[in-house]
Every structure is written in structure tokens, then in C-alpha cells.
Amino acid sequence: MKRDETILKAVMESTHETVIDLVSAIGAENTAKLIETFSGCQLHVPLVETITKKQRNEKIYADFSDGWTFEQLSVKYHLTENTIRKIINDTRKRGRKPC
């Protein structure tokens, strides 16, 4: 039996809670690949908000450029008006021109 097949079989037969959760989320083959690649390592999985923040901020700036108010943006994106203002100011500082 090949190493890949051995790992896959072990994954499919595992009673380890983390392995079961991973199989449920990403499937047995992907779980086996994850285990083979990162076995023994601590793995940090970032929050969705962390990896989508740039795109969210770009949408906020685009909406602002289209005439949305700080108040409207804060309601739409569930952020405070101060946070919206900071995002707009930071975007301007990076050199992005209004549309």
C-alpha cells in the first residue's frame, strides 16, 4: 500500500475529533493532504474577516466615492462611523484617487 493510500485509509478510519471535523469540512482526501503537509506543525487559520478585509475596504471606498454617507456605510458594513472614516482616510493616504 502506498503512503498516500495509507494516510487516506487512516483518515477515513480515524476517531480523532479534529480529523472527523476536517473530513466533514474539506473531505477525506484533502484532510489526508493537510495532515501529510503539516503533520506535527501548529497551524493558524486566519479569520474570514482578516483575509477579506482588503476587499471589504475597497468596497467601502467605492461606495463612499459613489456618494454613500459615513452613516450609511457604517450601517451597511456593521462598523462604527469612526472606523469607516479611518478606512477612507487610510485608502486616500495610499494614493487611491476618488472615482
PDB file of N, CA and C in Angstrom:
ATOM      1  N   MET A   1       0.839  -1.173   0.000  1.00  0.00           N
ATOM      2  CA  MET A   1       0.000   0.000   0.000  1.00  0.00           C
ATOM      3  C   MET A   1       0.891   1.246   0.000  1.00  0.00           C
ATOM      4  N   LYS A   2       0.588   2.204  -0.860  1.00  0.00           N
ATOM      5  CA  LYS A   2       1.366   3.439  -0.945  1.00  0.00           C
ATOM      6  C   LYS A   2       1.107   4.317   0.273  1.00  0.00           C
ATOM      7  N   ARG A   3       2.064   5.207   0.530  1.00  0.00           N
ATOM      8  CA  ARG A   3       1.955   6.124   1.678  1.00  0.00           C
ATOM      9  C   ARG A   3       0.668   6.943   1.614  1.00  0.00           C
ATOM     10  N   ASP A   4       0.336   7.493   0.426  1.00  0.00           N
ATOM     11  CA  ASP A   4      -0.888   8.285   0.275  1.00  0.00           C
ATOM     12  C   ASP A   4      -2.123   7.462   0.625  1.00  0.00           C
ATOM     13  N   GLU A   5      -2.140   6.229   0.174  1.00  0.00           N
ATOM     14  CA  GLU A   5      -3.280   5.354   0.448  1.00  0.00           C
ATOM     15  C   GLU A   5      -3.361   5.016   1.928  1.00  0.00           C
ATOM     16  N   THR A   6      -2.204   4.817   2.557  1.00  0.00           N
ATOM     17  CA  THR A   6      -2.155   4.508   3.982  1.00  0.00           C
ATOM     18  C   THR A   6      -2.709   5.678   4.799  1.00  0.00           C
ATOM     19  N   ILE A   7      -2.288   6.890   4.450  1.00  0.00           N
ATOM     20  CA  ILE A   7      -2.763   8.076   5.171  1.00  0.00           C
ATOM     21  C   ILE A   7      -4.266   8.255   4.957  1.00  0.00           C
ATOM     22  N   LEU A   8      -4.718   8.102   3.732  1.00  0.00           N
ATOM     23  CA  LEU A   8      -6.137   8.245   3.427  1.00  0.00           C
ATOM     24  C   LEU A   8      -6.966   7.218   4.195  1.00  0.00           C
ATOM     25  N   LYS A   9      -6.499   5.986   4.231  1.00  0.00           N
ATOM     26  CA  LYS A   9      -7.217   4.930   4.964  1.00  0.00           C
ATOM     27  C   LYS A   9      -7.274   5.271   6.450  1.00  0.00           C
ATOM     28  N   ALA A  10      -6.157   5.744   6.990  1.00  0.00           N
ATOM     29  CA  ALA A  10      -6.119   6.115   8.410  1.00  0.00           C
ATOM     30  C   ALA A  10      -7.070   7.275   8.701  1.00  0.00           C
ATOM     31  N   VAL A  11      -7.130   8.216   7.794  1.00  0.00           N
ATOM     32  CA  VAL A  11      -8.050   9.353   7.947  1.00  0.00           C
ATOM     33  C   VAL A  11      -9.489   8.867   7.957  1.00  0.00           C
ATOM     34  N   MET A  12      -9.819   8.000   7.032  1.00  0.00           N
ATOM     35  CA  MET A  12     -11.193   7.521   6.904  1.00  0.00           C
ATOM     36  C   MET A  12     -11.621   6.662   8.094  1.00  0.00           C
ATOM     37  N   GLU A  13     -10.659   6.031   8.757  1.00  0.00           N
ATOM     38  CA  GLU A  13     -10.962   5.170   9.903  1.00  0.00           C
ATOM     39  C   GLU A  13     -10.765   5.883  11.245  1.00  0.00           C
ATOM     40  N   SER A  14     -10.300   7.118  11.200  1.00  0.00           N
ATOM     41  CA  SER A  14      -9.944   7.831  12.425  1.00  0.00           C
ATOM     42  C   SER A  14     -11.162   8.161  13.286  1.00  0.00           C
ATOM     43  N   THR A  15     -10.939   8.102  14.596  1.00  0.00           N
ATOM     44  CA  THR A  15     -11.954   8.517  15.560  1.00  0.00           C
ATOM     45  C   THR A  15     -11.525   9.812  16.261  1.00  0.00           C
ATOM     46  N   HIS A  16     -10.419  10.387  15.811  1.00  0.00           N
ATOM     47  CA  HIS A  16      -9.906  11.633  16.382  1.00  0.00           C
ATOM     48  C   HIS A  16     -10.858  12.766  15.993  1.00  0.00           C
ATOM     49  N   GLU A  17     -11.303  13.527  16.985  1.00  0.00           N
ATOM     50  CA  GLU A  17     -12.315  14.559  16.760  1.00  0.00           C
ATOM     51  C   GLU A  17     -11.900  15.591  15.710  1.00  0.00           C
ATOM     52  N   THR A  18     -10.656  16.030  15.758  1.00  0.00           N
ATOM     53  CA  THR A  18     -10.186  17.017  14.786  1.00  0.00           C
ATOM     54  C   THR A  18     -10.205  16.455  13.375  1.00  0.00           C
ATOM     55  N   VAL A  19      -9.782  15.215  13.229  1.00  0.00           N
ATOM     56  CA  VAL A  19      -9.785  14.574  11.907  1.00  0.00           C
ATOM     57  C   VAL A  19     -11.221  14.444  11.393  1.00  0.00           C
ATOM     58  N   ILE A  20     -12.129  14.048  12.248  1.00  0.00           N
ATOM     59  CA  ILE A  20     -13.537  13.915  11.856  1.00  0.00           C
ATOM     60  C   ILE A  20     -14.092  15.279  11.411  1.00  0.00           C
ATOM     61  N   ASP A  21     -13.769  16.342  12.162  1.00  0.00           N
ATOM     62  CA  ASP A  21     -14.225  17.692  11.797  1.00  0.00           C
ATOM     63  C   ASP A  21     -13.643  18.130  10.454  1.00  0.00           C
ATOM     64  N   LEU A  22     -12.365  17.837  10.252  1.00  0.00           N
ATOM     65  CA  LEU A  22     -11.732  18.200   8.979  1.00  0.00           C
ATOM     66  C   LEU A  22     -12.351  17.444   7.811  1.00  0.00           C
ATOM     67  N   VAL A  23     -12.573  16.160   7.975  1.00  0.00           N
ATOM     68  CA  VAL A  23     -13.191  15.357   6.914  1.00  0.00           C
ATOM     69  C   VAL A  23     -14.568  15.914   6.579  1.00  0.00           C
ATOM     70  N   SER A  24     -15.309  16.288   7.594  1.00  0.00           N
ATOM     71  CA  SER A  24     -16.637  16.858   7.390  1.00  0.00           C
ATOM     72  C   SER A  24     -16.561  18.180   6.621  1.00  0.00           C
ATOM     73  N   ALA A  25     -15.543  18.967   6.908  1.00  0.00           N
ATOM     74  CA  ALA A  25     -15.421  20.290   6.287  1.00  0.00           C
ATOM     75  C   ALA A  25     -14.794  20.258   4.896  1.00  0.00           C
ATOM     76  N   ILE A  26     -13.748  19.443   4.709  1.00  0.00           N
ATOM     77  CA  ILE A  26     -12.995  19.514   3.446  1.00  0.00           C
ATOM     78  C   ILE A  26     -12.837  18.179   2.728  1.00  0.00           C
ATOM     79  N   GLY A  27     -13.371  17.117   3.308  1.00  0.00           N
ATOM     80  CA  GLY A  27     -13.284  15.809   2.667  1.00  0.00           C
ATOM     81  C   GLY A  27     -12.064  15.022   3.116  1.00  0.00           C
ATOM     82  N   ALA A  28     -12.129  13.719   2.918  1.00  0.00           N
ATOM     83  CA  ALA A  28     -11.071  12.815   3.382  1.00  0.00           C
ATOM     84  C   ALA A  28      -9.755  13.034   2.637  1.00  0.00           C
ATOM     85  N   GLU A  29      -9.801  13.186   1.321  1.00  0.00           N
ATOM     86  CA  GLU A  29      -8.558  13.349   0.557  1.00  0.00           C
ATOM     87  C   GLU A  29      -7.843  14.644   0.927  1.00  0.00           C
ATOM     88  N   ASN A  30      -8.604  15.728   1.068  1.00  0.00           N
ATOM     89  CA  ASN A  30      -7.976  16.998   1.453  1.00  0.00           C
ATOM     90  C   ASN A  30      -7.448  16.946   2.884  1.00  0.00           C
ATOM     91  N   THR A  31      -8.159  16.257   3.753  1.00  0.00           N
ATOM     92  CA  THR A  31      -7.675  16.086   5.121  1.00  0.00           C
ATOM     93  C   THR A  31      -6.359  15.311   5.119  1.00  0.00           C
ATOM     94  N   ALA A  32      -6.283  14.260   4.330  1.00  0.00           N
ATOM     95  CA  ALA A  32      -5.049  13.479   4.224  1.00  0.00           C
ATOM     96  C   ALA A  32      -3.902  14.353   3.709  1.00  0.00           C
ATOM     97  N   LYS A  33      -4.166  15.184   2.702  1.00  0.00           N
ATOM     98  CA  LYS A  33      -3.132  16.088   2.174  1.00  0.00           C
ATOM     99  C   LYS A  33      -2.690  17.087   3.239  1.00  0.00           C
ATOM    100  N   LEU A  34      -3.655  17.619   3.984  1.00  0.00           N
ATOM    101  CA  LEU A  34      -3.350  18.575   5.041  1.00  0.00           C
ATOM    102  C   LEU A  34      -2.473  17.930   6.109  1.00  0.00           C
ATOM    103  N   ILE A  35      -2.837  16.737   6.514  1.00  0.00           N
ATOM    104  CA  ILE A  35      -2.062  16.016   7.530  1.00  0.00           C
ATOM    105  C   ILE A  35      -0.659  15.701   7.015  1.00  0.00           C
ATOM    106  N   GLU A  36      -0.564  15.255   5.776  1.00  0.00           N
ATOM    107  CA  GLU A  36       0.749  14.923   5.225  1.00  0.00           C
ATOM    108  C   GLU A  36       1.632  16.170   5.105  1.00  0.00           C
ATOM    109  N   THR A  37       1.038  17.284   4.732  1.00  0.00           N
ATOM    110  CA  THR A  37       1.811  18.514   4.536  1.00  0.00           C
ATOM    111  C   THR A  37       2.200  19.180   5.846  1.00  0.00           C
ATOM    112  N   PHE A  38       1.285  19.208   6.806  1.00  0.00           N
ATOM    113  CA  PHE A  38       1.503  19.977   8.023  1.00  0.00           C
ATOM    114  C   PHE A  38       1.591  19.126   9.293  1.00  0.00           C
ATOM    115  N   SER A  39       1.778  17.838   9.145  1.00  0.00           N
ATOM    116  CA  SER A  39       1.828  16.932  10.284  1.00  0.00           C
ATOM    117  C   SER A  39       2.844  17.402  11.319  1.00  0.00           C
ATOM    118  N   GLY A  40       2.382  17.535  12.562  1.00  0.00           N
ATOM    119  CA  GLY A  40       3.252  17.939  13.651  1.00  0.00           C
ATOM    120  C   GLY A  40       3.431  19.432  13.808  1.00  0.00           C
ATOM    121  N   CYS A  41       2.897  20.220  12.887  1.00  0.00           N
ATOM    122  CA  CYS A  41       3.029  21.677  12.951  1.00  0.00           C
ATOM    123  C   CYS A  41       1.801  22.294  13.602  1.00  0.00           C
ATOM    124  N   GLN A  42       2.019  23.419  14.267  1.00  0.00           N
ATOM    125  CA  GLN A  42       0.868  24.207  14.695  1.00  0.00           C
ATOM    126  C   GLN A  42       0.445  25.027  13.496  1.00  0.00           C
ATOM    127  N   LEU A  43      -0.836  25.032  13.240  1.00  0.00           N
ATOM    128  CA  LEU A  43      -1.357  25.720  12.065  1.00  0.00           C
ATOM    129  C   LEU A  43      -2.360  26.762  12.507  1.00  0.00           C
ATOM    130  N   HIS A  44      -2.110  28.012  12.149  1.00  0.00           N
ATOM    131  CA  HIS A  44      -3.037  29.095  12.472  1.00  0.00           C
ATOM    132  C   HIS A  44      -3.934  29.326  11.263  1.00  0.00           C
ATOM    133  N   VAL A  45      -5.225  29.264  11.464  1.00  0.00           N
ATOM    134  CA  VAL A  45      -6.185  29.527  10.397  1.00  0.00           C
ATOM    135  C   VAL A  45      -6.759  30.918  10.647  1.00  0.00           C
ATOM    136  N   PRO A  46      -6.502  31.865   9.744  1.00  0.00           N
ATOM    137  CA  PRO A  46      -6.962  33.230   9.989  1.00  0.00           C
ATOM    138  C   PRO A  46      -8.484  33.340   9.913  1.00  0.00           C
ATOM    139  N   LEU A  47      -8.990  34.360  10.561  1.00  0.00           N
ATOM    140  CA  LEU A  47     -10.416  34.652  10.490  1.00  0.00           C
ATOM    141  C   LEU A  47     -10.797  35.073   9.074  1.00  0.00           C
ATOM    142  N   VAL A  48     -12.008  34.772   8.692  1.00  0.00           N
ATOM    143  CA  VAL A  48     -12.508  35.186   7.376  1.00  0.00           C
ATOM    144  C   VAL A  48     -12.368  36.702   7.233  1.00  0.00           C
ATOM    145  N   GLU A  49     -12.709  37.433   8.298  1.00  0.00           N
ATOM    146  CA  GLU A  49     -12.629  38.892   8.264  1.00  0.00           C
ATOM    147  C   GLU A  49     -11.215  39.380   7.971  1.00  0.00           C
ATOM    148  N   THR A  50     -10.231  38.644   8.443  1.00  0.00           N
ATOM    149  CA  THR A  50      -8.840  39.036   8.226  1.00  0.00           C
ATOM    150  C   THR A  50      -8.450  38.917   6.758  1.00  0.00           C
ATOM    151  N   ILE A  51      -8.851  37.829   6.122  1.00  0.00           N
ATOM    152  CA  ILE A  51      -8.430  37.625   4.735  1.00  0.00           C
ATOM    153  C   ILE A  51      -9.309  38.354   3.729  1.00  0.00           C
ATOM    154  N   THR A  52     -10.464  38.870   4.165  1.00  0.00           N
ATOM    155  CA  THR A  52     -11.345  39.601   3.246  1.00  0.00           C
ATOM    156  C   THR A  52     -11.362  41.102   3.523  1.00  0.00           C
ATOM    157  N   LYS A  53     -10.561  41.542   4.472  1.00  0.00           N
ATOM    158  CA  LYS A  53     -10.559  42.944   4.896  1.00  0.00           C
ATOM    159  C   LYS A  53     -10.216  43.903   3.749  1.00  0.00           C
ATOM    160  N   LYS A  54      -9.215  43.577   2.969  1.00  0.00           N
ATOM    161  CA  LYS A  54      -8.803  44.464   1.871  1.00  0.00           C
ATOM    162  C   LYS A  54      -9.945  44.658   0.871  1.00  0.00           C
ATOM    163  N   GLN A  55     -10.594  43.565   0.499  1.00  0.00           N
ATOM    164  CA  GLN A  55     -11.706  43.662  -0.447  1.00  0.00           C
ATOM    165  C   GLN A  55     -12.865  44.456   0.152  1.00  0.00           C
ATOM    166  N   ARG A  56     -13.145  44.222   1.443  1.00  0.00           N
ATOM    167  CA  ARG A  56     -14.201  44.978   2.117  1.00  0.00           C
ATOM    168  C   ARG A  56     -13.888  46.465   2.106  1.00  0.00           C
ATOM    169  N   ASN A  57     -12.656  46.818   2.428  1.00  0.00           N
ATOM    170  CA  ASN A  57     -12.265  48.220   2.458  1.00  0.00           C
ATOM    171  C   ASN A  57     -12.347  48.863   1.071  1.00  0.00           C
ATOM    172  N   GLU A  58     -12.011  48.112   0.040  1.00  0.00           N
ATOM    173  CA  GLU A  58     -12.135  48.625  -1.325  1.00  0.00           C
ATOM    174  C   GLU A  58     -13.599  48.890  -1.677  1.00  0.00           C
ATOM    175  N   LYS A  59     -14.497  48.005  -1.238  1.00  0.00           N
ATOM    176  CA  LYS A  59     -15.931  48.202  -1.466  1.00  0.00           C
ATOM    177  C   LYS A  59     -16.430  49.428  -0.713  1.00  0.00           C
ATOM    178  N   ILE A  60     -15.956  49.597   0.526  1.00  0.00           N
ATOM    179  CA  ILE A  60     -16.347  50.762   1.314  1.00  0.00           C
ATOM    180  C   ILE A  60     -15.916  52.038   0.596  1.00  0.00           C
ATOM    181  N   TYR A  61     -14.690  52.060   0.109  1.00  0.00           N
ATOM    182  CA  TYR A  61     -14.190  53.254  -0.583  1.00  0.00           C
ATOM    183  C   TYR A  61     -14.974  53.509  -1.862  1.00  0.00           C
ATOM    184  N   ALA A  62     -15.285  52.443  -2.588  1.00  0.00           N
ATOM    185  CA  ALA A  62     -16.069  52.599  -3.825  1.00  0.00           C
ATOM    186  C   ALA A  62     -17.459  53.145  -3.510  1.00  0.00           C
ATOM    187  N   ASP A  63     -18.094  52.622  -2.473  1.00  0.00           N
ATOM    188  CA  ASP A  63     -19.413  53.125  -2.077  1.00  0.00           C
ATOM    189  C   ASP A  63     -19.323  54.584  -1.655  1.00  0.00           C
ATOM    190  N   PHE A  64     -18.296  54.924  -0.900  1.00  0.00           N
ATOM    191  CA  PHE A  64     -18.088  56.308  -0.475  1.00  0.00           C
ATOM    192  C   PHE A  64     -17.930  57.215  -1.698  1.00  0.00           C
ATOM    193  N   SER A  65     -17.172  56.753  -2.660  1.00  0.00           N
ATOM    194  CA  SER A  65     -16.961  57.526  -3.894  1.00  0.00           C
ATOM    195  C   SER A  65     -18.249  57.686  -4.700  1.00  0.00           C
ATOM    196  N   ASP A  66     -19.169  56.731  -4.514  1.00  0.00           N
ATOM    197  CA  ASP A  66     -20.468  56.793  -5.194  1.00  0.00           C
ATOM    198  C   ASP A  66     -21.480  57.645  -4.430  1.00  0.00           C
ATOM    199  N   GLY A  67     -21.054  58.237  -3.319  1.00  0.00           N
ATOM    200  CA  GLY A  67     -21.925  59.156  -2.609  1.00  0.00           C
ATOM    201  C   GLY A  67     -22.545  58.662  -1.312  1.00  0.00           C
ATOM    202  N   TRP A  68     -22.193  57.458  -0.891  1.00  0.00           N
ATOM    203  CA  TRP A  68     -22.729  56.956   0.378  1.00  0.00           C
ATOM    204  C   TRP A  68     -22.161  57.793   1.527  1.00  0.00           C
ATOM    205  N   THR A  69     -22.965  58.035   2.546  1.00  0.00           N
ATOM    206  CA  THR A  69     -22.503  58.780   3.715  1.00  0.00           C
ATOM    207  C   THR A  69     -21.809  57.834   4.689  1.00  0.00           C
ATOM    208  N   PHE A  70     -21.073  58.436   5.629  1.00  0.00           N
ATOM    209  CA  PHE A  70     -20.415  57.629   6.662  1.00  0.00           C
ATOM    210  C   PHE A  70     -21.451  56.827   7.452  1.00  0.00           C
ATOM    211  N   GLU A  71     -22.576  57.458   7.741  1.00  0.00           N
ATOM    212  CA  GLU A  71     -23.629  56.771   8.493  1.00  0.00           C
ATOM    213  C   GLU A  71     -24.180  55.581   7.708  1.00  0.00           C
ATOM    214  N   GLN A  72     -24.457  55.769   6.426  1.00  0.00           N
ATOM    215  CA  GLN A  72     -24.973  54.678   5.587  1.00  0.00           C
ATOM    216  C   GLN A  72     -23.964  53.531   5.508  1.00  0.00           C
ATOM    217  N   LEU A  73     -22.707  53.889   5.347  1.00  0.00           N
ATOM    218  CA  LEU A  73     -21.666  52.860   5.264  1.00  0.00           C
ATOM    219  C   LEU A  73     -21.527  52.101   6.572  1.00  0.00           C
ATOM    220  N   SER A  74     -21.634  52.803   7.687  1.00  0.00           N
ATOM    221  CA  SER A  74     -21.500  52.119   8.981  1.00  0.00           C
ATOM    222  C   SER A  74     -22.626  51.115   9.189  1.00  0.00           C
ATOM    223  N   VAL A  75     -23.825  51.460   8.721  1.00  0.00           N
ATOM    224  CA  VAL A  75     -24.940  50.523   8.831  1.00  0.00           C
ATOM    225  C   VAL A  75     -24.730  49.335   7.892  1.00  0.00           C
ATOM    226  N   LYS A  76     -24.363  49.629   6.641  1.00  0.00           N
ATOM    227  CA  LYS A  76     -24.185  48.568   5.644  1.00  0.00           C
ATOM    228  C   LYS A  76     -23.107  47.565   6.051  1.00  0.00           C
ATOM    229  N   TYR A  77     -21.986  48.064   6.570  1.00  0.00           N
ATOM    230  CA  TYR A  77     -20.840  47.191   6.859  1.00  0.00           C
ATOM    231  C   TYR A  77     -20.712  46.829   8.345  1.00  0.00           C
ATOM    232  N   HIS A  78     -21.670  47.266   9.156  1.00  0.00           N
ATOM    233  CA  HIS A  78     -21.675  46.940  10.592  1.00  0.00           C
ATOM    234  C   HIS A  78     -20.385  47.384  11.280  1.00  0.00           C
ATOM    235  N   LEU A  79     -19.961  48.610  10.943  1.00  0.00           N
ATOM    236  CA  LEU A  79     -18.772  49.202  11.543  1.00  0.00           C
ATOM    237  C   LEU A  79     -19.153  50.578  12.088  1.00  0.00           C
ATOM    238  N   THR A  80     -18.349  51.106  13.000  1.00  0.00           N
ATOM    239  CA  THR A  80     -18.628  52.447  13.505  1.00  0.00           C
ATOM    240  C   THR A  80     -18.274  53.480  12.427  1.00  0.00           C
ATOM    241  N   GLU A  81     -18.881  54.669  12.572  1.00  0.00           N
ATOM    242  CA  GLU A  81     -18.546  55.737  11.624  1.00  0.00           C
ATOM    243  C   GLU A  81     -17.064  56.097  11.706  1.00  0.00           C
ATOM    244  N   ASN A  82     -16.495  56.046  12.912  1.00  0.00           N
ATOM    245  CA  ASN A  82     -15.054  56.346  13.056  1.00  0.00           C
ATOM    246  C   ASN A  82     -14.206  55.339  12.289  1.00  0.00           C
ATOM    247  N   THR A  83     -14.599  54.067  12.321  1.00  0.00           N
ATOM    248  CA  THR A  83     -13.862  53.047  11.569  1.00  0.00           C
ATOM    249  C   THR A  83     -13.987  53.300  10.069  1.00  0.00           C
ATOM    250  N   ILE A  84     -15.178  53.650   9.621  1.00  0.00           N
ATOM    251  CA  ILE A  84     -15.384  53.968   8.202  1.00  0.00           C
ATOM    252  C   ILE A  84     -14.500  55.150   7.801  1.00  0.00           C
ATOM    253  N   ARG A  85     -14.482  56.195   8.615  1.00  0.00           N
ATOM    254  CA  ARG A  85     -13.639  57.375   8.325  1.00  0.00           C
ATOM    255  C   ARG A  85     -12.155  56.975   8.239  1.00  0.00           C
ATOM    256  N   LYS A  86     -11.725  56.127   9.162  1.00  0.00           N
ATOM    257  CA  LYS A  86     -10.324  55.678   9.152  1.00  0.00           C
ATOM    258  C   LYS A  86     -10.017  54.902   7.870  1.00  0.00           C
ATOM    259  N   ILE A  87     -10.934  54.030   7.464  1.00  0.00           N
ATOM    260  CA  ILE A  87     -10.727  53.259   6.232  1.00  0.00           C
ATOM    261  C   ILE A  87     -10.628  54.197   5.033  1.00  0.00           C
ATOM    262  N   ILE A  88     -11.512  55.185   4.946  1.00  0.00           N
ATOM    263  CA  ILE A  88     -11.491  56.153   3.838  1.00  0.00           C
ATOM    264  C   ILE A  88     -10.184  56.939   3.858  1.00  0.00           C
ATOM    265  N   ASN A  89      -9.799  57.435   5.034  1.00  0.00           N
ATOM    266  CA  ASN A  89      -8.557  58.214   5.139  1.00  0.00           C
ATOM    267  C   ASN A  89      -7.326  57.375   4.806  1.00  0.00           C
ATOM    268  N   ASP A  90      -7.288  56.148   5.294  1.00  0.00           N
ATOM    269  CA  ASP A  90      -6.149  55.261   5.002  1.00  0.00           C
ATOM    270  C   ASP A  90      -6.071  54.965   3.505  1.00  0.00           C
ATOM    271  N   THR A  91      -7.217  54.773   2.882  1.00  0.00           N
ATOM    272  CA  THR A  91      -7.244  54.499   1.444  1.00  0.00           C
ATOM    273  C   THR A  91      -6.727  55.708   0.671  1.00  0.00           C
ATOM    274  N   ARG A  92      -7.151  56.893   1.090  1.00  0.00           N
ATOM    275  CA  ARG A  92      -6.668  58.127   0.440  1.00  0.00           C
ATOM    276  C   ARG A  92      -5.162  58.277   0.602  1.00  0.00           C
ATOM    277  N   LYS A  93      -4.646  57.983   1.805  1.00  0.00           N
ATOM    278  CA  LYS A  93      -3.212  58.104   2.071  1.00  0.00           C
ATOM    279  C   LYS A  93      -2.380  57.178   1.206  1.00  0.00           C
ATOM    280  N   ARG A  94      -2.964  56.023   0.851  1.00  0.00           N
ATOM    281  CA  ARG A  94      -2.234  55.074  -0.009  1.00  0.00           C
ATOM    282  C   ARG A  94      -2.218  55.543  -1.459  1.00  0.00           C
ATOM    283  N   GLY A  95      -2.874  56.675  -1.718  1.00  0.00           N
ATOM    284  CA  GLY A  95      -2.787  57.254  -3.061  1.00  0.00           C
ATOM    285  C   GLY A  95      -3.922  56.906  -3.992  1.00  0.00           C
ATOM    286  N   ARG A  96      -4.941  56.262  -3.473  1.00  0.00           N
ATOM    287  CA  ARG A  96      -6.060  55.935  -4.338  1.00  0.00           C
ATOM    288  C   ARG A  96      -6.858  57.193  -4.618  1.00  0.00           C
ATOM    289  N   LYS A  97      -7.128  57.445  -5.869  1.00  0.00           N
ATOM    290  CA  LYS A  97      -7.883  58.617  -6.274  1.00  0.00           C
ATOM    291  C   LYS A  97      -9.369  58.326  -6.251  1.00  0.00           C
ATOM    292  N   PRO A  98     -10.187  59.314  -5.844  1.00  0.00           N
ATOM    293  CA  PRO A  98     -11.633  59.111  -5.920  1.00  0.00           C
ATOM    294  C   PRO A  98     -12.059  58.837  -7.353  1.00  0.00           C
ATOM    295  N   CYS A  99     -13.072  58.033  -7.507  1.00  0.00           N
ATOM    296  CA  CYS A  99     -13.577  57.670  -8.836  1.00  0.00           C
ATOM    297  C   CYS A  99     -14.207  58.856  -9.527  1.00  0.00           C
TER     298      CYS A  99
END
